[in-house]
Every structure is written in structure tokens, then in C-alpha cells.
Amino acid sequence: MYTIPRRNGFEWTIPEILRLQREWELLQLSVSEIADLHERSMRAIMLKLEDEQFATYEEAQNRLPASPGRPPGRCSRTSQNP
């Protein structure tokens, strides 16, 4: 069952955006790891990375973990993460 992340719907703060940039560029964490740390969905992380021009949506897809039924690095922009 999918649970809604605690920070779903909250605006991004400047310190949170700076953390996102550090985790993505310096620490090279996966989208899943960043989502857990920020208590946001993987899709929210991917869209924010693109919005802040830290990465394209496609680049973010390359750091998604593989899951059953989905090739590694694939997430639709229109689908909700399970």
C-alpha cells in the first residue's frame, strides 16, 4: 500500500532546496534516498531537480532503483509512485 509522504503538498523551503542540491550533486544520492530524507515522493524530487535546473527529469530517472515490472531508471511523469 502506498502511503502519502509527510511533506506532500508543503512548499519547498530555501534550506530544503540547498539540501537537495547537496544530496544530488555532491553526495550523489539516489532519488529514492533523497525522497526518504525529505519525506517527499520520488516524483516530487525529480520534478524539483528539474525545476531548479540541477538535473533534467531524464537524468533523475537514471538514479531510480529498479523495481519489479519496471526497467531500471523509468518513472512516468504522469504516474504516481507506488
N, C-alpha and C. Protein backbone atom coordinates (compact mmCIF):
# COMPACT_ATOMS: atom_id res chain seq x y z
N MET A 1 0.84 -1.19 0.00
CA MET A 1 0.00 0.00 0.00
C MET A 1 0.88 1.25 0.00
N TYR A 2 0.47 2.24 -0.75
CA TYR A 2 1.21 3.48 -0.87
C TYR A 2 0.76 4.45 0.21
N THR A 3 1.71 4.97 0.96
CA THR A 3 1.39 6.00 1.95
C THR A 3 1.88 7.35 1.43
N ILE A 4 1.11 8.36 1.69
CA ILE A 4 1.46 9.71 1.24
C ILE A 4 2.59 10.23 2.13
N PRO A 5 3.67 10.73 1.50
CA PRO A 5 4.78 11.28 2.29
C PRO A 5 4.31 12.43 3.18
N ARG A 6 4.94 12.56 4.33
CA ARG A 6 4.52 13.55 5.33
C ARG A 6 4.56 14.98 4.77
N ARG A 7 5.53 15.30 3.95
CA ARG A 7 5.66 16.68 3.45
C ARG A 7 4.96 16.89 2.11
N ASN A 8 4.10 15.97 1.72
CA ASN A 8 3.33 16.10 0.49
C ASN A 8 2.50 17.38 0.54
N GLY A 9 2.62 18.20 -0.50
CA GLY A 9 1.83 19.42 -0.58
C GLY A 9 2.45 20.63 0.10
N PHE A 10 3.54 20.45 0.87
CA PHE A 10 4.21 21.57 1.52
C PHE A 10 5.11 22.28 0.51
N GLU A 11 5.22 23.59 0.65
CA GLU A 11 6.14 24.34 -0.19
C GLU A 11 7.57 23.97 0.16
N TRP A 12 8.45 24.08 -0.81
CA TRP A 12 9.87 23.83 -0.58
C TRP A 12 10.49 25.06 0.06
N THR A 13 11.27 24.88 1.11
CA THR A 13 11.98 25.98 1.74
C THR A 13 13.35 26.14 1.08
N ILE A 14 13.95 27.30 1.23
CA ILE A 14 15.28 27.52 0.66
C ILE A 14 16.30 26.55 1.25
N PRO A 15 16.33 26.35 2.59
CA PRO A 15 17.28 25.36 3.13
C PRO A 15 17.05 23.95 2.58
N GLU A 16 15.80 23.60 2.34
CA GLU A 16 15.50 22.27 1.80
C GLU A 16 16.00 22.14 0.36
N ILE A 17 15.89 23.20 -0.41
CA ILE A 17 16.38 23.19 -1.79
C ILE A 17 17.91 23.08 -1.80
N LEU A 18 18.56 23.78 -0.90
CA LEU A 18 20.02 23.70 -0.80
C LEU A 18 20.46 22.29 -0.39
N ARG A 19 19.72 21.67 0.53
CA ARG A 19 19.99 20.27 0.91
C ARG A 19 19.83 19.36 -0.29
N LEU A 20 18.77 19.58 -1.06
CA LEU A 20 18.51 18.78 -2.25
C LEU A 20 19.69 18.86 -3.22
N GLN A 21 20.17 20.05 -3.45
CA GLN A 21 21.30 20.24 -4.37
C GLN A 21 22.54 19.51 -3.85
N ARG A 22 22.81 19.62 -2.58
CA ARG A 22 23.97 18.96 -1.97
C ARG A 22 23.85 17.44 -2.09
N GLU A 23 22.68 16.92 -1.76
CA GLU A 23 22.46 15.47 -1.80
C GLU A 23 22.56 14.93 -3.23
N TRP A 24 22.11 15.71 -4.20
CA TRP A 24 22.12 15.28 -5.59
C TRP A 24 23.52 15.41 -6.19
N GLU A 25 24.11 16.61 -6.07
CA GLU A 25 25.36 16.88 -6.78
C GLU A 25 26.60 16.38 -6.04
N LEU A 26 26.69 16.61 -4.75
CA LEU A 26 27.89 16.25 -4.01
C LEU A 26 27.86 14.82 -3.48
N LEU A 27 26.76 14.46 -2.83
CA LEU A 27 26.66 13.13 -2.24
C LEU A 27 26.22 12.07 -3.25
N GLN A 28 25.64 12.52 -4.36
CA GLN A 28 25.16 11.65 -5.42
C GLN A 28 24.23 10.55 -4.90
N LEU A 29 23.29 10.97 -4.05
CA LEU A 29 22.29 10.04 -3.53
C LEU A 29 21.28 9.71 -4.62
N SER A 30 20.60 8.58 -4.47
CA SER A 30 19.56 8.22 -5.43
C SER A 30 18.30 9.04 -5.15
N VAL A 31 17.42 9.07 -6.12
CA VAL A 31 16.15 9.78 -5.95
C VAL A 31 15.38 9.20 -4.77
N SER A 32 15.41 7.90 -4.64
CA SER A 32 14.71 7.22 -3.53
C SER A 32 15.28 7.65 -2.17
N GLU A 33 16.59 7.70 -2.06
CA GLU A 33 17.22 8.11 -0.80
C GLU A 33 16.87 9.55 -0.45
N ILE A 34 16.91 10.42 -1.45
CA ILE A 34 16.57 11.83 -1.22
C ILE A 34 15.11 11.96 -0.82
N ALA A 35 14.23 11.22 -1.49
CA ALA A 35 12.81 11.27 -1.16
C ALA A 35 12.58 10.86 0.30
N ASP A 36 13.26 9.82 0.74
CA ASP A 36 13.13 9.39 2.14
C ASP A 36 13.61 10.47 3.10
N LEU A 37 14.74 11.08 2.79
CA LEU A 37 15.29 12.13 3.67
C LEU A 37 14.38 13.35 3.76
N HIS A 38 13.75 13.70 2.64
CA HIS A 38 12.91 14.89 2.58
C HIS A 38 11.44 14.61 2.90
N GLU A 39 11.12 13.35 3.05
CA GLU A 39 9.74 12.93 3.29
C GLU A 39 8.80 13.43 2.19
N ARG A 40 9.27 13.23 0.95
CA ARG A 40 8.52 13.61 -0.24
C ARG A 40 8.52 12.43 -1.20
N SER A 41 7.67 12.47 -2.21
CA SER A 41 7.62 11.37 -3.18
C SER A 41 8.83 11.47 -4.13
N MET A 42 9.16 10.34 -4.75
CA MET A 42 10.25 10.35 -5.73
C MET A 42 9.90 11.28 -6.89
N ARG A 43 8.65 11.28 -7.28
CA ARG A 43 8.23 12.17 -8.37
C ARG A 43 8.43 13.63 -8.00
N ALA A 44 8.12 14.00 -6.74
CA ALA A 44 8.33 15.38 -6.29
C ALA A 44 9.81 15.75 -6.34
N ILE A 45 10.67 14.82 -5.97
CA ILE A 45 12.11 15.07 -6.01
C ILE A 45 12.56 15.28 -7.45
N MET A 46 12.11 14.41 -8.34
CA MET A 46 12.51 14.50 -9.74
C MET A 46 12.04 15.81 -10.37
N LEU A 47 10.82 16.21 -10.07
CA LEU A 47 10.30 17.46 -10.63
C LEU A 47 11.03 18.67 -10.06
N LYS A 48 11.39 18.61 -8.78
CA LYS A 48 12.11 19.74 -8.16
C LYS A 48 13.53 19.83 -8.71
N LEU A 49 14.19 18.69 -8.91
CA LEU A 49 15.52 18.70 -9.53
C LEU A 49 15.47 19.38 -10.89
N GLU A 50 14.43 19.08 -11.65
CA GLU A 50 14.28 19.69 -12.97
C GLU A 50 13.92 21.18 -12.85
N ASP A 51 13.02 21.51 -11.96
CA ASP A 51 12.59 22.89 -11.77
C ASP A 51 13.75 23.80 -11.37
N GLU A 52 14.63 23.30 -10.50
CA GLU A 52 15.79 24.08 -10.04
C GLU A 52 16.98 23.97 -10.99
N GLN A 53 16.81 23.22 -12.08
CA GLN A 53 17.83 23.01 -13.10
C GLN A 53 19.09 22.33 -12.54
N PHE A 54 18.90 21.44 -11.54
CA PHE A 54 20.00 20.63 -11.02
C PHE A 54 20.19 19.41 -11.92
N ALA A 55 19.12 18.97 -12.57
CA ALA A 55 19.15 17.81 -13.45
C ALA A 55 17.91 17.83 -14.32
N THR A 56 17.98 17.18 -15.46
CA THR A 56 16.77 17.01 -16.25
C THR A 56 15.96 15.87 -15.63
N TYR A 57 14.71 15.78 -15.98
CA TYR A 57 13.86 14.70 -15.48
C TYR A 57 14.46 13.36 -15.89
N GLU A 58 15.00 13.30 -17.10
CA GLU A 58 15.59 12.05 -17.61
C GLU A 58 16.85 11.68 -16.82
N GLU A 59 17.67 12.67 -16.47
CA GLU A 59 18.86 12.39 -15.66
C GLU A 59 18.47 11.84 -14.29
N ALA A 60 17.42 12.41 -13.72
CA ALA A 60 16.94 11.93 -12.42
C ALA A 60 16.43 10.49 -12.54
N GLN A 61 15.81 10.16 -13.66
CA GLN A 61 15.31 8.79 -13.87
C GLN A 61 16.44 7.77 -13.80
N ASN A 62 17.63 8.18 -14.20
CA ASN A 62 18.76 7.26 -14.20
C ASN A 62 19.22 6.88 -12.79
N ARG A 63 18.76 7.62 -11.77
CA ARG A 63 19.12 7.28 -10.40
C ARG A 63 17.96 6.65 -9.63
N LEU A 64 16.96 6.18 -10.37
CA LEU A 64 15.85 5.46 -9.72
C LEU A 64 16.24 4.01 -9.52
N PRO A 65 15.83 3.41 -8.40
CA PRO A 65 16.09 1.98 -8.22
C PRO A 65 15.19 1.16 -9.13
N ALA A 66 15.67 0.00 -9.51
CA ALA A 66 14.85 -0.92 -10.31
C ALA A 66 13.77 -1.52 -9.41
N SER A 67 12.61 -1.76 -9.96
CA SER A 67 11.54 -2.42 -9.21
C SER A 67 10.88 -3.44 -10.13
N PRO A 68 10.20 -4.43 -9.55
CA PRO A 68 9.55 -5.45 -10.39
C PRO A 68 8.59 -4.80 -11.38
N GLY A 69 8.67 -5.21 -12.64
CA GLY A 69 7.75 -4.71 -13.65
C GLY A 69 8.16 -3.39 -14.26
N ARG A 70 9.28 -2.84 -13.82
CA ARG A 70 9.74 -1.57 -14.38
C ARG A 70 11.24 -1.66 -14.63
N PRO A 71 11.68 -1.36 -15.83
CA PRO A 71 13.12 -1.38 -16.09
C PRO A 71 13.83 -0.35 -15.21
N PRO A 72 15.10 -0.55 -14.88
CA PRO A 72 15.83 0.43 -14.07
C PRO A 72 15.77 1.82 -14.70
N GLY A 73 15.57 2.83 -13.86
CA GLY A 73 15.59 4.20 -14.33
C GLY A 73 14.36 4.67 -15.06
N ARG A 74 13.21 4.07 -14.87
CA ARG A 74 12.00 4.51 -15.56
C ARG A 74 10.92 4.92 -14.58
N CYS A 75 10.39 6.11 -14.78
CA CYS A 75 9.28 6.62 -13.99
C CYS A 75 8.50 7.57 -14.89
N SER A 76 7.26 7.37 -15.03
CA SER A 76 6.44 8.22 -15.87
C SER A 76 6.14 9.53 -15.17
N ARG A 77 6.14 10.62 -15.91
CA ARG A 77 5.81 11.91 -15.32
C ARG A 77 4.36 11.98 -14.84
N THR A 78 3.51 11.17 -15.42
CA THR A 78 2.08 11.25 -15.09
C THR A 78 1.64 10.22 -14.08
N SER A 79 2.48 9.24 -13.76
CA SER A 79 2.06 8.21 -12.83
C SER A 79 2.46 8.55 -11.41
N GLN A 80 1.71 8.04 -10.46
CA GLN A 80 2.05 8.18 -9.05
C GLN A 80 3.01 7.06 -8.69
N ASN A 81 3.95 7.32 -7.79
CA ASN A 81 4.88 6.28 -7.36
C ASN A 81 4.17 5.34 -6.42
N PRO A 82 4.31 4.02 -6.62
CA PRO A 82 3.65 3.06 -5.72
C PRO A 82 4.33 3.01 -4.39
